[in-house]
Protein backbone atom coordinates (compact mmCIF):
# COMPACT_ATOMS: atom_id res chain seq x y z
CA UNK A 1 -208.57 -63.02 -232.35
CA UNK A 2 -206.54 -62.79 -229.11
CA UNK A 3 -205.57 -65.90 -227.22
CA UNK A 4 -205.22 -65.83 -223.42
CA UNK A 5 -202.10 -67.77 -222.46
CA UNK A 6 -202.53 -67.44 -218.71
CA UNK A 7 -199.51 -65.16 -218.28
CA UNK A 8 -200.33 -62.34 -215.92
CA UNK A 9 -199.06 -58.97 -217.03
CA UNK A 10 -199.76 -56.38 -214.47
CA UNK A 11 -198.46 -54.02 -211.97
CA UNK A 12 -196.90 -50.69 -212.51
CA UNK A 13 -193.48 -50.70 -214.17
CA UNK A 14 -191.86 -49.13 -211.08
CA UNK A 15 -192.90 -52.16 -209.02
CA UNK A 16 -191.10 -54.63 -211.31
CA UNK A 17 -187.71 -54.73 -209.68
CA UNK A 18 -185.62 -52.96 -207.10
CA UNK A 19 -183.38 -49.91 -207.32
CA UNK A 20 -180.34 -49.79 -205.08
CA UNK A 21 -178.56 -46.50 -204.55
CA UNK A 22 -174.98 -46.70 -203.27
CA UNK A 23 -173.89 -44.62 -200.29
CA UNK A 24 -171.32 -42.80 -202.44
CA UNK A 25 -174.10 -41.55 -204.74
CA UNK A 26 -176.01 -40.00 -201.84
CA UNK A 27 -172.74 -38.60 -200.43
CA UNK A 28 -171.94 -36.89 -203.74
CA UNK A 29 -175.44 -35.43 -203.98
CA UNK A 30 -175.22 -34.14 -200.40
CA UNK A 31 -171.73 -32.72 -200.94
CA UNK A 32 -172.69 -30.84 -204.08
CA UNK A 33 -175.86 -29.51 -202.44
CA UNK A 34 -173.87 -28.26 -199.43
CA UNK A 35 -171.24 -26.57 -201.62
CA UNK A 36 -173.99 -24.67 -203.47
CA UNK A 37 -174.88 -22.70 -200.34
CA UNK A 38 -173.45 -19.19 -200.10
CA UNK A 39 -171.11 -18.96 -197.12
CA UNK A 40 -169.79 -22.52 -197.35
CA UNK A 41 -166.10 -22.18 -198.14
CA UNK A 42 -165.24 -25.90 -198.21
CA UNK A 43 -166.19 -29.32 -196.92
CA UNK A 44 -163.98 -31.38 -194.63
CA UNK A 45 -161.54 -30.51 -191.88
CA UNK A 46 -158.30 -28.70 -192.60
CA UNK A 47 -156.29 -31.92 -192.39
CA UNK A 48 -158.67 -33.78 -194.69
CA UNK A 49 -158.50 -30.96 -197.24
CA UNK A 50 -154.69 -30.89 -197.01
CA UNK A 51 -154.43 -34.66 -197.51
CA UNK A 52 -156.88 -34.46 -200.41
CA UNK A 53 -154.84 -31.67 -201.95
CA UNK A 54 -151.67 -33.79 -201.80
CA UNK A 55 -153.50 -36.85 -203.13
CA UNK A 56 -154.79 -34.86 -206.12
CA UNK A 57 -151.23 -33.94 -207.12
CA UNK A 58 -150.21 -37.59 -207.45
CA UNK A 59 -150.68 -38.73 -211.08
CA UNK A 60 -153.48 -41.25 -211.40
CA UNK A 61 -154.65 -40.79 -207.81
CA UNK A 62 -158.04 -39.39 -208.64
CA UNK A 63 -159.99 -36.97 -210.72
CA UNK A 64 -159.82 -33.58 -209.07
CA UNK A 65 -161.48 -32.57 -205.83
CA UNK A 66 -163.33 -35.27 -204.03
CA UNK A 67 -167.05 -34.61 -204.03
CA UNK A 68 -167.42 -36.65 -200.85
CA UNK A 69 -164.73 -35.00 -198.71
CA UNK A 70 -166.33 -34.03 -195.38
CA UNK A 71 -169.47 -36.06 -196.10
CA UNK A 72 -170.57 -39.34 -194.57
CA UNK A 73 -173.94 -40.98 -195.07
CA UNK A 74 -175.99 -43.96 -194.04
CA UNK A 75 -178.44 -45.05 -196.70
CA UNK A 76 -181.26 -47.50 -196.23
CA UNK A 77 -183.98 -48.64 -198.60
CA UNK A 78 -186.23 -45.67 -197.81
CA UNK A 79 -184.25 -43.32 -195.56
CA UNK A 80 -180.86 -41.62 -195.38
CA UNK A 81 -178.87 -39.78 -192.72
CA UNK A 82 -176.12 -37.30 -193.62
CA UNK A 83 -173.17 -35.98 -191.60
CA UNK A 84 -171.29 -32.96 -192.98
CA UNK A 85 -168.14 -31.18 -191.87
CA UNK A 86 -167.94 -27.67 -193.31
CA UNK A 87 -165.75 -24.59 -193.29
CA UNK A 88 -167.67 -21.31 -193.45
CA UNK A 89 -166.58 -17.92 -194.72
CA UNK A 90 -165.86 -15.32 -192.05
CA UNK A 91 -168.71 -12.88 -191.50
CA UNK A 92 -171.63 -15.10 -192.45
CA UNK A 93 -174.18 -16.11 -189.79
CA UNK A 94 -173.17 -19.73 -189.12
CA UNK A 95 -176.61 -20.87 -187.95
CA UNK A 96 -178.19 -19.42 -191.10
CA UNK A 97 -175.64 -21.15 -193.32
CA UNK A 98 -176.19 -24.45 -191.48
CA UNK A 99 -179.96 -24.10 -191.92
CA UNK A 100 -179.62 -23.41 -195.65
CA UNK A 101 -177.21 -26.35 -196.04
CA UNK A 102 -179.69 -28.61 -194.27
CA UNK A 103 -182.57 -27.48 -196.51
CA UNK A 104 -180.50 -27.83 -199.69
CA UNK A 105 -179.20 -31.30 -198.78
CA UNK A 106 -182.63 -32.62 -197.76
CA UNK A 107 -184.21 -31.27 -200.94
CA UNK A 108 -181.50 -32.63 -203.25
CA UNK A 109 -181.27 -36.11 -201.69
CA UNK A 110 -185.04 -36.56 -201.50
CA UNK A 111 -185.53 -35.33 -205.07
CA UNK A 112 -182.63 -37.15 -206.71
CA UNK A 113 -182.27 -40.33 -204.65
CA UNK A 114 -185.87 -40.75 -203.49
CA UNK A 115 -184.81 -41.31 -199.88
CA UNK A 116 -186.40 -39.59 -196.90
CA UNK A 117 -183.65 -37.68 -195.12
CA UNK A 118 -184.11 -38.26 -191.40
CA UNK A 119 -181.26 -36.01 -190.28
CA UNK A 120 -178.47 -33.78 -191.52
CA UNK A 121 -175.83 -33.27 -188.84
CA UNK A 122 -173.43 -30.39 -189.49
CA UNK A 123 -170.09 -29.77 -187.83
CA UNK A 124 -168.50 -26.39 -188.51
CA UNK A 125 -164.80 -27.21 -188.18
CA UNK A 126 -163.27 -23.90 -189.26
CA UNK A 127 -163.87 -20.35 -190.41
CA UNK A 128 -162.09 -19.08 -193.53
CA UNK A 129 -160.65 -15.66 -192.71
CA UNK A 130 -160.26 -13.15 -195.56
CA UNK A 131 -156.47 -12.89 -195.14
CA UNK A 132 -155.78 -16.63 -194.95
CA UNK A 133 -154.05 -18.33 -197.84
CA UNK A 134 -155.52 -21.49 -199.26
CA UNK A 135 -154.00 -24.77 -198.00
CA UNK A 136 -152.85 -25.62 -201.50
CA UNK A 137 -150.61 -22.55 -201.53
CA UNK A 138 -149.18 -22.99 -198.02
CA UNK A 139 -146.76 -25.73 -199.01
CA UNK A 140 -145.22 -23.69 -201.83
CA UNK A 141 -142.18 -21.54 -201.13
CA UNK A 142 -141.86 -20.07 -204.62
CA UNK A 143 -144.32 -19.47 -207.38
């Protein structure tokens, strides 16, 4: 025989608490989604990439390339806005790349973080020319 103790057990499990997603999580998702697009050479401005490159060489300063370089986000309880700074490869249609980046970022953030993406603003800060050396190699005189 079952006894009713007056304790109400109800509601869907997903309604029993709150999930908070940190800005850095959404920034990493957006950064990875942007990098996955063909024609995106890098994220961040030249100076930000150079500073990040130097920072990565310092022992204990971080674990490899920063997934959030060139990415800033604002995350609310139900919505997110993303700002990206990208470098594109020479020869690719920039507006097409920007459109694909936007689609990829919106899809990834909405799927993984469950936030409606209200805008993805993209600044193309540079074009990677085929004959340019990488910033990491510029500071080296000998190899």
